[in-house]
Amino acid sequence: MDGLQDTRDARLLRADKSTHNDGEERASNWFTNFIKQWKPQKAQKVAPQAAPVVTKIMTQDGKNLQTLLHTLVTSQKSTDDVFQVAKLGGQMKPAEMFQPDRLPMYISFSERTFRQRGHDRWGIETLLKKYPEKELAMIANSGFRRADDLSKETAEKLRAGLMNKWFMEKKKPIDVVQLLKGEKMTMDAFNRQKWRDYRDTYNDLFIKTIA
């Protein structure tokens, strides 16, 4: 059932722009491409909105992170294990949450091990042990608002996992709107089309079928 869920999600919501069959290859590529230039930021006095400077070559920190992720995958660690390794949980600022060795690494691990686990491509089940659904949706929203592509890509996959869960629970579109809004009165532009896709698919499969 879970395999069908993730396949349906990939087809209908198109969150990672891939099919079920090429998901693992894309999982290997999107994260690796981002961390090639990653170097952890050291504490320094900078303006809050200042963009981090990245090097133009593969940093040692990026190589170390690649090695760590490969080790986690090959040693068959669970998503619970990697949640701890990524030091997730608790109140974290988006700048911390979306560091490559935090939520992005966790999401990438979950994708890479999806086939062997057989369900939950984006690791939502483990995340929900520590975060309420609404908070996870708000975390995804904060990722979309960040300037860097890694945060946006991670947010897209997190949102896909949530929407897949809601869809399989047959959560009504009006309830999904409230979750996607977070604490705002209106839905952000980056969520509108995905919500329309959800609404249309929900109506086609659940409303018209009943009628």
N, C-alpha and C. Protein backbone atom coordinates (compact mmCIF):
# COMPACT_ATOMS: atom_id res chain seq x y z
N MET A 1 0.83 -1.21 0.00
CA MET A 1 0.00 0.00 0.00
C MET A 1 0.85 1.25 0.00
N ASP A 2 1.92 1.28 0.85
CA ASP A 2 2.75 2.47 0.93
C ASP A 2 3.48 2.73 -0.38
N GLY A 3 3.91 1.65 -1.07
CA GLY A 3 4.57 1.84 -2.35
C GLY A 3 3.63 2.50 -3.33
N LEU A 4 2.36 2.10 -3.32
CA LEU A 4 1.37 2.71 -4.18
C LEU A 4 1.16 4.17 -3.81
N GLN A 5 1.16 4.47 -2.53
CA GLN A 5 0.99 5.84 -2.08
C GLN A 5 2.07 6.74 -2.63
N ASP A 6 3.32 6.31 -2.51
CA ASP A 6 4.43 7.14 -2.96
C ASP A 6 4.44 7.26 -4.48
N THR A 7 4.03 6.20 -5.18
CA THR A 7 3.95 6.27 -6.62
C THR A 7 2.88 7.26 -7.03
N ARG A 8 1.74 7.19 -6.35
CA ARG A 8 0.64 8.11 -6.65
C ARG A 8 1.04 9.55 -6.36
N ASP A 9 1.75 9.73 -5.27
CA ASP A 9 2.21 11.07 -4.92
C ASP A 9 3.14 11.63 -5.98
N ALA A 10 4.06 10.80 -6.46
CA ALA A 10 5.01 11.26 -7.47
C ALA A 10 4.28 11.64 -8.75
N ARG A 11 3.21 10.91 -9.07
CA ARG A 11 2.48 11.17 -10.30
C ARG A 11 1.58 12.40 -10.18
N LEU A 12 0.88 12.52 -9.07
CA LEU A 12 -0.13 13.56 -8.93
C LEU A 12 0.43 14.88 -8.43
N LEU A 13 1.26 14.84 -7.41
CA LEU A 13 1.77 16.06 -6.82
C LEU A 13 3.08 16.50 -7.46
N ARG A 14 3.83 15.58 -8.05
CA ARG A 14 5.07 15.86 -8.77
C ARG A 14 6.04 16.69 -7.94
N ALA A 15 6.16 16.36 -6.69
CA ALA A 15 6.98 17.18 -5.80
C ALA A 15 8.45 17.11 -6.14
N ASP A 16 8.94 15.95 -6.54
CA ASP A 16 10.36 15.87 -6.84
C ASP A 16 10.62 15.76 -8.34
N LYS A 17 9.56 16.00 -9.14
CA LYS A 17 9.66 16.01 -10.59
C LYS A 17 10.25 14.70 -11.12
N SER A 18 9.93 13.60 -10.47
CA SER A 18 10.47 12.31 -10.91
C SER A 18 9.40 11.25 -10.83
N THR A 19 9.68 10.10 -11.40
CA THR A 19 8.79 8.96 -11.28
C THR A 19 9.30 8.05 -10.19
N HIS A 20 8.51 7.06 -9.85
CA HIS A 20 8.91 6.09 -8.82
C HIS A 20 10.21 5.39 -9.21
N ASN A 21 10.39 5.09 -10.48
CA ASN A 21 11.54 4.30 -10.90
C ASN A 21 12.86 5.04 -10.84
N ASP A 22 12.86 6.35 -11.13
CA ASP A 22 14.14 7.06 -11.12
C ASP A 22 14.35 7.85 -9.84
N GLY A 23 13.51 7.59 -8.84
CA GLY A 23 13.60 8.36 -7.60
C GLY A 23 14.93 8.22 -6.90
N GLU A 24 15.48 7.01 -6.86
CA GLU A 24 16.73 6.80 -6.13
C GLU A 24 17.89 7.54 -6.80
N GLU A 25 17.92 7.54 -8.14
CA GLU A 25 19.00 8.24 -8.84
C GLU A 25 18.92 9.73 -8.58
N ARG A 26 17.72 10.28 -8.61
CA ARG A 26 17.56 11.70 -8.34
C ARG A 26 17.90 12.01 -6.89
N ALA A 27 17.56 11.09 -6.00
CA ALA A 27 17.88 11.29 -4.59
C ALA A 27 19.38 11.38 -4.39
N SER A 28 20.12 10.63 -5.17
CA SER A 28 21.58 10.66 -5.05
C SER A 28 22.15 11.95 -5.60
N ASN A 29 21.47 12.54 -6.57
CA ASN A 29 22.02 13.69 -7.28
C ASN A 29 21.70 15.03 -6.65
N TRP A 30 20.45 15.26 -6.25
CA TRP A 30 20.08 16.61 -5.85
C TRP A 30 20.85 17.07 -4.63
N PHE A 31 21.00 16.20 -3.65
CA PHE A 31 21.69 16.58 -2.42
C PHE A 31 23.19 16.69 -2.66
N THR A 32 23.75 15.73 -3.38
CA THR A 32 25.19 15.74 -3.66
C THR A 32 25.60 17.00 -4.40
N ASN A 33 24.80 17.41 -5.36
CA ASN A 33 25.14 18.61 -6.13
C ASN A 33 25.20 19.85 -5.26
N PHE A 34 24.35 19.90 -4.25
CA PHE A 34 24.33 21.07 -3.38
C PHE A 34 25.51 21.09 -2.41
N ILE A 35 25.85 19.94 -1.86
CA ILE A 35 26.87 19.93 -0.81
C ILE A 35 28.29 19.97 -1.35
N LYS A 36 28.45 19.91 -2.67
CA LYS A 36 29.79 19.97 -3.24
C LYS A 36 30.52 21.25 -2.84
N GLN A 37 29.76 22.32 -2.64
CA GLN A 37 30.37 23.60 -2.30
C GLN A 37 30.08 24.02 -0.87
N TRP A 38 29.59 23.07 -0.07
CA TRP A 38 29.16 23.45 1.28
C TRP A 38 30.33 23.50 2.24
N LYS A 39 30.29 24.51 3.08
CA LYS A 39 31.25 24.63 4.18
C LYS A 39 30.49 25.23 5.36
N PRO A 40 30.49 24.58 6.51
CA PRO A 40 29.74 25.10 7.66
C PRO A 40 30.13 26.53 7.98
N GLN A 41 29.14 27.35 8.27
CA GLN A 41 29.42 28.73 8.62
C GLN A 41 29.94 28.83 10.04
N LYS A 42 30.98 29.60 10.23
CA LYS A 42 31.50 29.85 11.56
C LYS A 42 30.84 31.10 12.12
N ALA A 43 30.77 31.16 13.44
CA ALA A 43 30.16 32.31 14.08
C ALA A 43 30.93 33.57 13.72
N GLN A 44 30.23 34.55 13.20
CA GLN A 44 30.86 35.81 12.84
C GLN A 44 29.81 36.90 12.85
N LYS A 45 30.25 38.12 12.97
CA LYS A 45 29.33 39.24 13.02
C LYS A 45 28.98 39.66 11.60
N VAL A 46 27.77 39.29 11.20
CA VAL A 46 27.30 39.65 9.87
C VAL A 46 25.86 40.10 9.99
N ALA A 47 25.39 40.79 8.96
CA ALA A 47 24.00 41.22 8.94
C ALA A 47 23.11 39.99 8.86
N PRO A 48 21.94 39.99 9.54
CA PRO A 48 21.08 38.81 9.57
C PRO A 48 20.70 38.28 8.20
N GLN A 49 20.55 39.17 7.21
CA GLN A 49 20.11 38.75 5.90
C GLN A 49 21.27 38.55 4.93
N ALA A 50 22.49 38.66 5.41
CA ALA A 50 23.64 38.53 4.51
C ALA A 50 23.72 37.12 3.96
N ALA A 51 23.97 37.00 2.66
CA ALA A 51 24.06 35.69 2.02
C ALA A 51 25.39 35.04 2.36
N PRO A 52 25.40 33.75 2.68
CA PRO A 52 26.66 33.07 2.99
C PRO A 52 27.53 32.97 1.75
N VAL A 53 28.82 33.05 1.95
CA VAL A 53 29.77 32.93 0.85
C VAL A 53 30.19 31.47 0.74
N VAL A 54 30.12 30.91 -0.46
CA VAL A 54 30.52 29.52 -0.67
C VAL A 54 31.71 29.48 -1.59
N THR A 55 32.54 28.46 -1.41
CA THR A 55 33.72 28.33 -2.25
C THR A 55 33.33 27.75 -3.59
N LYS A 56 34.22 27.86 -4.58
CA LYS A 56 33.93 27.38 -5.92
C LYS A 56 34.43 25.96 -6.14
N ILE A 57 35.05 25.37 -5.14
CA ILE A 57 35.55 24.01 -5.28
C ILE A 57 34.92 23.14 -4.21
N MET A 58 35.07 21.86 -4.38
CA MET A 58 34.55 20.91 -3.40
C MET A 58 35.27 21.08 -2.08
N THR A 59 34.57 21.47 -1.02
CA THR A 59 35.20 21.67 0.27
C THR A 59 35.37 20.34 0.99
N GLN A 60 36.29 20.32 1.95
CA GLN A 60 36.49 19.11 2.73
C GLN A 60 35.25 18.78 3.53
N ASP A 61 34.55 19.81 3.99
CA ASP A 61 33.34 19.58 4.77
C ASP A 61 32.27 18.91 3.91
N GLY A 62 32.18 19.34 2.64
CA GLY A 62 31.24 18.70 1.73
C GLY A 62 31.58 17.24 1.51
N LYS A 63 32.85 16.94 1.35
CA LYS A 63 33.29 15.55 1.18
C LYS A 63 32.97 14.73 2.42
N ASN A 64 33.20 15.32 3.59
CA ASN A 64 32.91 14.60 4.83
C ASN A 64 31.42 14.29 4.96
N LEU A 65 30.59 15.25 4.53
CA LEU A 65 29.15 15.04 4.61
C LEU A 65 28.71 13.96 3.64
N GLN A 66 29.29 13.94 2.45
CA GLN A 66 29.00 12.87 1.50
C GLN A 66 29.37 11.51 2.08
N THR A 67 30.53 11.46 2.70
CA THR A 67 30.99 10.20 3.30
C THR A 67 30.06 9.76 4.42
N LEU A 68 29.65 10.71 5.26
CA LEU A 68 28.74 10.39 6.36
C LEU A 68 27.43 9.84 5.83
N LEU A 69 26.86 10.50 4.83
CA LEU A 69 25.59 10.05 4.28
C LEU A 69 25.72 8.65 3.67
N HIS A 70 26.80 8.42 2.95
CA HIS A 70 27.03 7.10 2.35
C HIS A 70 27.13 6.03 3.44
N THR A 71 27.82 6.36 4.53
CA THR A 71 27.96 5.41 5.63
C THR A 71 26.62 5.10 6.28
N LEU A 72 25.80 6.12 6.46
CA LEU A 72 24.48 5.92 7.06
C LEU A 72 23.62 5.02 6.19
N VAL A 73 23.70 5.22 4.88
CA VAL A 73 22.90 4.41 3.95
C VAL A 73 23.37 2.97 3.94
N THR A 74 24.66 2.76 3.79
CA THR A 74 25.19 1.40 3.65
C THR A 74 25.14 0.61 4.96
N SER A 75 25.12 1.31 6.07
CA SER A 75 25.02 0.61 7.36
C SER A 75 23.58 0.35 7.77
N GLN A 76 22.65 0.69 6.86
CA GLN A 76 21.22 0.41 7.06
C GLN A 76 20.67 1.04 8.33
N LYS A 77 21.06 2.27 8.57
CA LYS A 77 20.50 3.00 9.70
C LYS A 77 19.03 3.32 9.43
N SER A 78 18.28 3.52 10.49
CA SER A 78 16.87 3.87 10.35
C SER A 78 16.71 5.38 10.27
N THR A 79 15.52 5.82 9.87
CA THR A 79 15.26 7.25 9.86
C THR A 79 15.32 7.83 11.27
N ASP A 80 14.97 7.03 12.26
CA ASP A 80 15.10 7.49 13.65
C ASP A 80 16.56 7.74 14.00
N ASP A 81 17.43 6.85 13.54
CA ASP A 81 18.87 7.02 13.79
C ASP A 81 19.38 8.31 13.15
N VAL A 82 19.00 8.53 11.90
CA VAL A 82 19.52 9.68 11.17
C VAL A 82 18.91 10.98 11.70
N PHE A 83 17.70 10.91 12.21
CA PHE A 83 17.10 12.07 12.87
C PHE A 83 18.00 12.55 13.99
N GLN A 84 18.53 11.60 14.75
CA GLN A 84 19.43 11.94 15.85
C GLN A 84 20.77 12.44 15.34
N VAL A 85 21.31 11.79 14.31
CA VAL A 85 22.59 12.21 13.75
C VAL A 85 22.50 13.64 13.21
N ALA A 86 21.36 13.96 12.60
CA ALA A 86 21.16 15.30 12.03
C ALA A 86 20.84 16.34 13.10
N LYS A 87 20.70 15.90 14.34
CA LYS A 87 20.43 16.80 15.46
C LYS A 87 19.16 17.62 15.24
N LEU A 88 18.12 16.92 14.79
CA LEU A 88 16.83 17.56 14.60
C LEU A 88 16.03 17.48 15.89
N GLY A 89 14.93 18.22 15.93
CA GLY A 89 14.09 18.22 17.12
C GLY A 89 14.20 19.52 17.88
N GLY A 90 13.15 19.85 18.61
CA GLY A 90 13.17 21.08 19.39
C GLY A 90 12.94 22.31 18.52
N GLN A 91 13.08 23.45 19.14
CA GLN A 91 12.89 24.72 18.44
C GLN A 91 14.17 25.10 17.72
N MET A 92 14.11 25.14 16.41
CA MET A 92 15.27 25.49 15.60
C MET A 92 14.91 26.59 14.62
N LYS A 93 15.82 27.51 14.42
CA LYS A 93 15.61 28.55 13.42
C LYS A 93 15.81 27.94 12.04
N PRO A 94 15.12 28.50 11.01
CA PRO A 94 15.28 27.97 9.65
C PRO A 94 16.73 27.91 9.20
N ALA A 95 17.53 28.89 9.60
CA ALA A 95 18.94 28.90 9.21
C ALA A 95 19.67 27.67 9.73
N GLU A 96 19.23 27.15 10.87
CA GLU A 96 19.82 25.93 11.43
C GLU A 96 19.18 24.69 10.81
N MET A 97 17.87 24.68 10.73
CA MET A 97 17.13 23.53 10.23
C MET A 97 17.54 23.14 8.81
N PHE A 98 17.81 24.14 7.98
CA PHE A 98 18.10 23.88 6.57
C PHE A 98 19.58 23.87 6.25
N GLN A 99 20.43 23.79 7.27
CA GLN A 99 21.84 23.54 7.01
C GLN A 99 21.96 22.15 6.35
N PRO A 100 22.89 21.97 5.41
CA PRO A 100 22.97 20.70 4.68
C PRO A 100 23.04 19.45 5.55
N ASP A 101 23.67 19.56 6.72
CA ASP A 101 23.81 18.38 7.58
C ASP A 101 22.64 18.19 8.54
N ARG A 102 21.58 18.94 8.34
CA ARG A 102 20.40 18.80 9.19
C ARG A 102 19.24 18.19 8.38
N LEU A 103 18.17 18.94 8.17
CA LEU A 103 17.00 18.41 7.48
C LEU A 103 17.30 17.95 6.05
N PRO A 104 18.10 18.68 5.25
CA PRO A 104 18.40 18.20 3.90
C PRO A 104 19.05 16.82 3.89
N MET A 105 20.00 16.58 4.80
CA MET A 105 20.64 15.27 4.86
C MET A 105 19.63 14.20 5.24
N TYR A 106 18.76 14.51 6.19
CA TYR A 106 17.74 13.55 6.62
C TYR A 106 16.82 13.17 5.46
N ILE A 107 16.34 14.18 4.72
CA ILE A 107 15.45 13.93 3.59
C ILE A 107 16.16 13.11 2.52
N SER A 108 17.42 13.45 2.24
CA SER A 108 18.18 12.71 1.24
C SER A 108 18.37 11.26 1.66
N PHE A 109 18.70 11.04 2.92
CA PHE A 109 18.84 9.66 3.43
C PHE A 109 17.54 8.89 3.24
N SER A 110 16.43 9.52 3.57
CA SER A 110 15.14 8.85 3.47
C SER A 110 14.85 8.45 2.03
N GLU A 111 15.16 9.34 1.09
CA GLU A 111 14.96 9.02 -0.32
C GLU A 111 15.84 7.86 -0.77
N ARG A 112 17.09 7.91 -0.37
CA ARG A 112 18.04 6.88 -0.81
C ARG A 112 17.70 5.50 -0.26
N THR A 113 17.06 5.45 0.88
CA THR A 113 16.73 4.16 1.49
C THR A 113 15.27 3.79 1.30
N PHE A 114 14.56 4.54 0.48
CA PHE A 114 13.13 4.31 0.28
C PHE A 114 12.84 2.90 -0.21
N ARG A 115 13.62 2.43 -1.19
CA ARG A 115 13.33 1.13 -1.77
C ARG A 115 13.51 0.00 -0.76
N GLN A 116 14.55 0.08 0.05
CA GLN A 116 14.77 -0.99 1.03
C GLN A 116 13.78 -0.93 2.18
N ARG A 117 13.30 0.28 2.50
CA ARG A 117 12.29 0.40 3.55
C ARG A 117 10.89 0.10 3.03
N GLY A 118 10.64 0.44 1.77
CA GLY A 118 9.38 0.09 1.13
C GLY A 118 8.24 1.06 1.36
N HIS A 119 8.48 2.14 2.07
CA HIS A 119 7.41 3.10 2.30
C HIS A 119 7.99 4.42 2.79
N ASP A 120 7.15 5.46 2.77
CA ASP A 120 7.49 6.76 3.37
C ASP A 120 8.78 7.34 2.77
N ARG A 121 8.72 7.69 1.50
CA ARG A 121 9.89 8.16 0.76
C ARG A 121 10.62 9.30 1.46
N TRP A 122 9.89 10.23 2.07
CA TRP A 122 10.53 11.43 2.62
C TRP A 122 10.64 11.43 4.14
N GLY A 123 10.42 10.29 4.76
CA GLY A 123 10.67 10.17 6.19
C GLY A 123 9.72 10.94 7.09
N ILE A 124 8.48 11.10 6.64
CA ILE A 124 7.51 11.89 7.39
C ILE A 124 7.13 11.23 8.71
N GLU A 125 7.05 9.91 8.73
CA GLU A 125 6.62 9.21 9.95
C GLU A 125 7.52 9.55 11.14
N THR A 126 8.82 9.52 10.92
CA THR A 126 9.75 9.85 12.01
C THR A 126 9.65 11.31 12.40
N LEU A 127 9.54 12.19 11.42
CA LEU A 127 9.43 13.62 11.72
C LEU A 127 8.19 13.91 12.56
N LEU A 128 7.11 13.19 12.29
CA LEU A 128 5.86 13.42 13.02
C LEU A 128 5.93 12.95 14.47
N LYS A 129 6.95 12.19 14.82
CA LYS A 129 7.13 11.80 16.21
C LYS A 129 7.62 12.98 17.05
N LYS A 130 8.19 13.97 16.38
CA LYS A 130 8.78 15.11 17.08
C LYS A 130 8.10 16.43 16.76
N TYR A 131 7.44 16.49 15.61
CA TYR A 131 6.81 17.75 15.19
C TYR A 131 5.35 17.50 14.82
N PRO A 132 4.42 18.37 15.23
CA PRO A 132 3.04 18.28 14.76
C PRO A 132 2.98 18.58 13.26
N GLU A 133 1.92 18.11 12.61
CA GLU A 133 1.77 18.34 11.17
C GLU A 133 1.83 19.82 10.82
N LYS A 134 1.14 20.63 11.58
CA LYS A 134 1.11 22.06 11.28
C LYS A 134 2.50 22.67 11.37
N GLU A 135 3.27 22.24 12.35
CA GLU A 135 4.62 22.77 12.50
C GLU A 135 5.51 22.32 11.34
N LEU A 136 5.36 21.09 10.89
CA LEU A 136 6.13 20.62 9.74
C LEU A 136 5.78 21.41 8.49
N ALA A 137 4.49 21.71 8.32
CA ALA A 137 4.08 22.52 7.18
C ALA A 137 4.69 23.92 7.25
N MET A 138 4.77 24.47 8.45
CA MET A 138 5.39 25.79 8.63
C MET A 138 6.89 25.73 8.38
N ILE A 139 7.52 24.62 8.75
CA ILE A 139 8.95 24.44 8.47
C ILE A 139 9.17 24.42 6.96
N ALA A 140 8.31 23.69 6.25
CA ALA A 140 8.42 23.67 4.79
C ALA A 140 8.26 25.07 4.22
N ASN A 141 7.29 25.81 4.71
CA ASN A 141 7.08 27.18 4.23
C ASN A 141 8.30 28.05 4.46
N SER A 142 8.94 27.89 5.60
CA SER A 142 10.13 28.69 5.88
C SER A 142 11.26 28.33 4.92
N GLY A 143 11.31 27.07 4.49
CA GLY A 143 12.32 26.67 3.51
C GLY A 143 12.09 27.31 2.16
N PHE A 144 10.83 27.40 1.75
CA PHE A 144 10.51 28.06 0.48
C PHE A 144 10.87 29.53 0.49
N ARG A 145 10.83 30.15 1.66
CA ARG A 145 11.11 31.59 1.75
C ARG A 145 12.61 31.89 1.77
N ARG A 146 13.43 30.88 1.97
CA ARG A 146 14.87 31.10 2.00
C ARG A 146 15.40 31.28 0.58
N ALA A 147 16.55 31.92 0.48
CA ALA A 147 17.09 32.28 -0.83
C ALA A 147 17.80 31.13 -1.53
N ASP A 148 18.31 30.16 -0.78
CA ASP A 148 19.14 29.13 -1.41
C ASP A 148 18.30 27.97 -1.94
N ASP A 149 18.79 27.36 -3.00
CA ASP A 149 18.07 26.29 -3.68
C ASP A 149 17.96 25.02 -2.85
N LEU A 150 18.95 24.74 -2.01
CA LEU A 150 18.90 23.54 -1.19
C LEU A 150 17.71 23.58 -0.24
N SER A 151 17.47 24.73 0.38
CA SER A 151 16.33 24.88 1.29
C SER A 151 15.02 24.69 0.54
N LYS A 152 14.93 25.28 -0.65
CA LYS A 152 13.70 25.17 -1.44
C LYS A 152 13.44 23.73 -1.87
N GLU A 153 14.50 23.04 -2.31
CA GLU A 153 14.35 21.65 -2.74
C GLU A 153 13.94 20.76 -1.56
N THR A 154 14.55 21.00 -0.41
CA THR A 154 14.20 20.23 0.79
C THR A 154 12.76 20.51 1.20
N ALA A 155 12.36 21.77 1.16
CA ALA A 155 10.99 22.15 1.51
C ALA A 155 9.98 21.49 0.58
N GLU A 156 10.33 21.41 -0.69
CA GLU A 156 9.43 20.80 -1.67
C GLU A 156 9.18 19.33 -1.35
N LYS A 157 10.23 18.64 -0.96
CA LYS A 157 10.10 17.22 -0.64
C LYS A 157 9.37 17.01 0.69
N LEU A 158 9.61 17.89 1.65
CA LEU A 158 8.89 17.81 2.92
C LEU A 158 7.40 18.03 2.69
N ARG A 159 7.07 19.04 1.90
CA ARG A 159 5.66 19.31 1.59
C ARG A 159 5.03 18.13 0.85
N ALA A 160 5.77 17.53 -0.06
CA ALA A 160 5.25 16.37 -0.81
C ALA A 160 4.91 15.23 0.13
N GLY A 161 5.78 14.98 1.10
CA GLY A 161 5.51 13.91 2.06
C GLY A 161 4.26 14.17 2.88
N LEU A 162 4.09 15.42 3.29
CA LEU A 162 2.91 15.78 4.07
C LEU A 162 1.64 15.65 3.23
N MET A 163 1.69 16.17 1.99
CA MET A 163 0.49 16.14 1.14
C MET A 163 0.14 14.71 0.75
N ASN A 164 1.14 13.88 0.58
CA ASN A 164 0.87 12.47 0.31
C ASN A 164 0.14 11.83 1.49
N LYS A 165 0.59 12.13 2.69
CA LYS A 165 -0.05 11.60 3.90
C LYS A 165 -1.49 12.09 3.98
N TRP A 166 -1.70 13.37 3.77
CA TRP A 166 -3.05 13.93 3.84
C TRP A 166 -3.96 13.32 2.79
N PHE A 167 -3.40 13.11 1.60
CA PHE A 167 -4.20 12.55 0.52
C PHE A 167 -4.65 11.13 0.86
N MET A 168 -3.75 10.32 1.37
CA MET A 168 -4.10 8.94 1.70
C MET A 168 -5.07 8.88 2.88
N GLU A 169 -5.07 9.92 3.70
CA GLU A 169 -6.04 10.01 4.80
C GLU A 169 -7.36 10.62 4.34
N LYS A 170 -7.40 11.01 3.05
CA LYS A 170 -8.57 11.67 2.46
C LYS A 170 -8.91 12.96 3.21
N LYS A 171 -7.87 13.68 3.59
CA LYS A 171 -8.09 14.95 4.28
C LYS A 171 -8.71 15.95 3.31
N LYS A 172 -9.74 16.62 3.74
CA LYS A 172 -10.46 17.54 2.86
C LYS A 172 -9.58 18.72 2.45
N PRO A 173 -9.74 19.18 1.20
CA PRO A 173 -8.94 20.31 0.72
C PRO A 173 -9.03 21.54 1.62
N ILE A 174 -10.18 21.79 2.20
CA ILE A 174 -10.32 22.97 3.06
C ILE A 174 -9.45 22.83 4.31
N ASP A 175 -9.26 21.61 4.79
CA ASP A 175 -8.38 21.39 5.94
C ASP A 175 -6.92 21.51 5.54
N VAL A 176 -6.60 21.07 4.33
CA VAL A 176 -5.24 21.20 3.83
C VAL A 176 -4.85 22.66 3.68
N VAL A 177 -5.80 23.48 3.26
CA VAL A 177 -5.55 24.92 3.15
C VAL A 177 -5.07 25.48 4.48
N GLN A 178 -5.76 25.13 5.54
CA GLN A 178 -5.41 25.66 6.86
C GLN A 178 -4.01 25.22 7.28
N LEU A 179 -3.65 23.99 6.96
CA LEU A 179 -2.31 23.50 7.31
C LEU A 179 -1.24 24.21 6.50
N LEU A 180 -1.50 24.44 5.22
CA LEU A 180 -0.52 25.10 4.37
C LEU A 180 -0.37 26.58 4.71
N LYS A 181 -1.41 27.18 5.22
CA LYS A 181 -1.34 28.60 5.61
C LYS A 181 -0.40 28.80 6.80
N GLY A 182 -0.34 27.80 7.68
CA GLY A 182 0.44 27.98 8.89
C GLY A 182 -0.26 28.97 9.80
N GLU A 183 0.44 30.00 10.19
CA GLU A 183 -0.14 31.02 11.06
C GLU A 183 -0.56 32.26 10.29
N LYS A 184 -0.54 32.20 8.97
CA LYS A 184 -0.91 33.34 8.15
C LYS A 184 -2.39 33.28 7.78
N MET A 185 -2.93 34.43 7.41
CA MET A 185 -4.34 34.51 7.03
C MET A 185 -4.57 33.97 5.62
N THR A 186 -3.57 34.10 4.76
CA THR A 186 -3.70 33.65 3.39
C THR A 186 -2.59 32.67 3.04
N MET A 187 -2.81 31.90 2.01
CA MET A 187 -1.83 30.90 1.60
C MET A 187 -0.75 31.56 0.74
N ASP A 188 0.49 31.17 0.98
CA ASP A 188 1.60 31.70 0.20
C ASP A 188 1.49 31.24 -1.25
N ALA A 189 2.02 32.07 -2.15
CA ALA A 189 1.94 31.78 -3.58
C ALA A 189 2.59 30.46 -3.94
N PHE A 190 3.67 30.11 -3.23
CA PHE A 190 4.38 28.87 -3.57
C PHE A 190 3.60 27.61 -3.23
N ASN A 191 2.50 27.75 -2.49
CA ASN A 191 1.67 26.59 -2.15
C ASN A 191 0.40 26.49 -2.99
N ARG A 192 0.04 27.55 -3.68
CA ARG A 192 -1.28 27.61 -4.30
C ARG A 192 -1.50 26.54 -5.37
N GLN A 193 -0.55 26.39 -6.28
CA GLN A 193 -0.76 25.43 -7.36
C GLN A 193 -0.77 24.00 -6.82
N LYS A 194 0.09 23.72 -5.85
CA LYS A 194 0.10 22.37 -5.27
C LYS A 194 -1.22 22.08 -4.58
N TRP A 195 -1.79 23.09 -3.93
CA TRP A 195 -3.08 22.88 -3.29
C TRP A 195 -4.16 22.65 -4.34
N ARG A 196 -4.12 23.41 -5.45
CA ARG A 196 -5.10 23.20 -6.52
C ARG A 196 -4.99 21.78 -7.08
N ASP A 197 -3.76 21.31 -7.26
CA ASP A 197 -3.56 19.94 -7.73
C ASP A 197 -4.18 18.94 -6.75
N TYR A 198 -3.97 19.20 -5.47
CA TYR A 198 -4.52 18.33 -4.43
C TYR A 198 -6.05 18.35 -4.49
N ARG A 199 -6.61 19.55 -4.54
CA ARG A 199 -8.07 19.70 -4.57
C ARG A 199 -8.67 18.98 -5.77
N ASP A 200 -8.09 19.20 -6.95
CA ASP A 200 -8.64 18.60 -8.17
C ASP A 200 -8.56 17.08 -8.12
N THR A 201 -7.44 16.55 -7.65
CA THR A 201 -7.28 15.10 -7.57
C THR A 201 -8.22 14.51 -6.52
N TYR A 202 -8.35 15.21 -5.41
CA TYR A 202 -9.26 14.77 -4.34
C TYR A 202 -10.69 14.70 -4.88
N ASN A 203 -11.11 15.74 -5.59
CA ASN A 203 -12.47 15.77 -6.14
C ASN A 203 -12.68 14.66 -7.17
N ASP A 204 -11.68 14.44 -8.02
CA ASP A 204 -11.79 13.42 -9.06
C ASP A 204 -11.91 12.01 -8.46
N LEU A 205 -11.13 11.74 -7.44
CA LEU A 205 -11.07 10.38 -6.91
C LEU A 205 -12.08 10.09 -5.81
N PHE A 206 -12.40 11.10 -5.02
CA PHE A 206 -13.24 10.86 -3.85
C PHE A 206 -14.65 11.43 -3.97
N ILE A 207 -14.80 12.57 -4.61
CA ILE A 207 -16.12 13.19 -4.71
C ILE A 207 -16.90 12.63 -5.89
N LYS A 208 -16.28 12.64 -7.09
CA LYS A 208 -16.98 12.17 -8.28
C LYS A 208 -17.27 10.68 -8.20
N THR A 209 -16.37 9.93 -7.54
CA THR A 209 -16.59 8.49 -7.39
C THR A 209 -17.83 8.21 -6.56
N ILE A 210 -17.98 8.99 -5.49
CA ILE A 210 -19.15 8.83 -4.62
C ILE A 210 -20.42 9.20 -5.36
N ALA A 211 -20.34 10.31 -6.13
CA ALA A 211 -21.50 10.78 -6.88
C ALA A 211 -21.91 9.76 -7.94
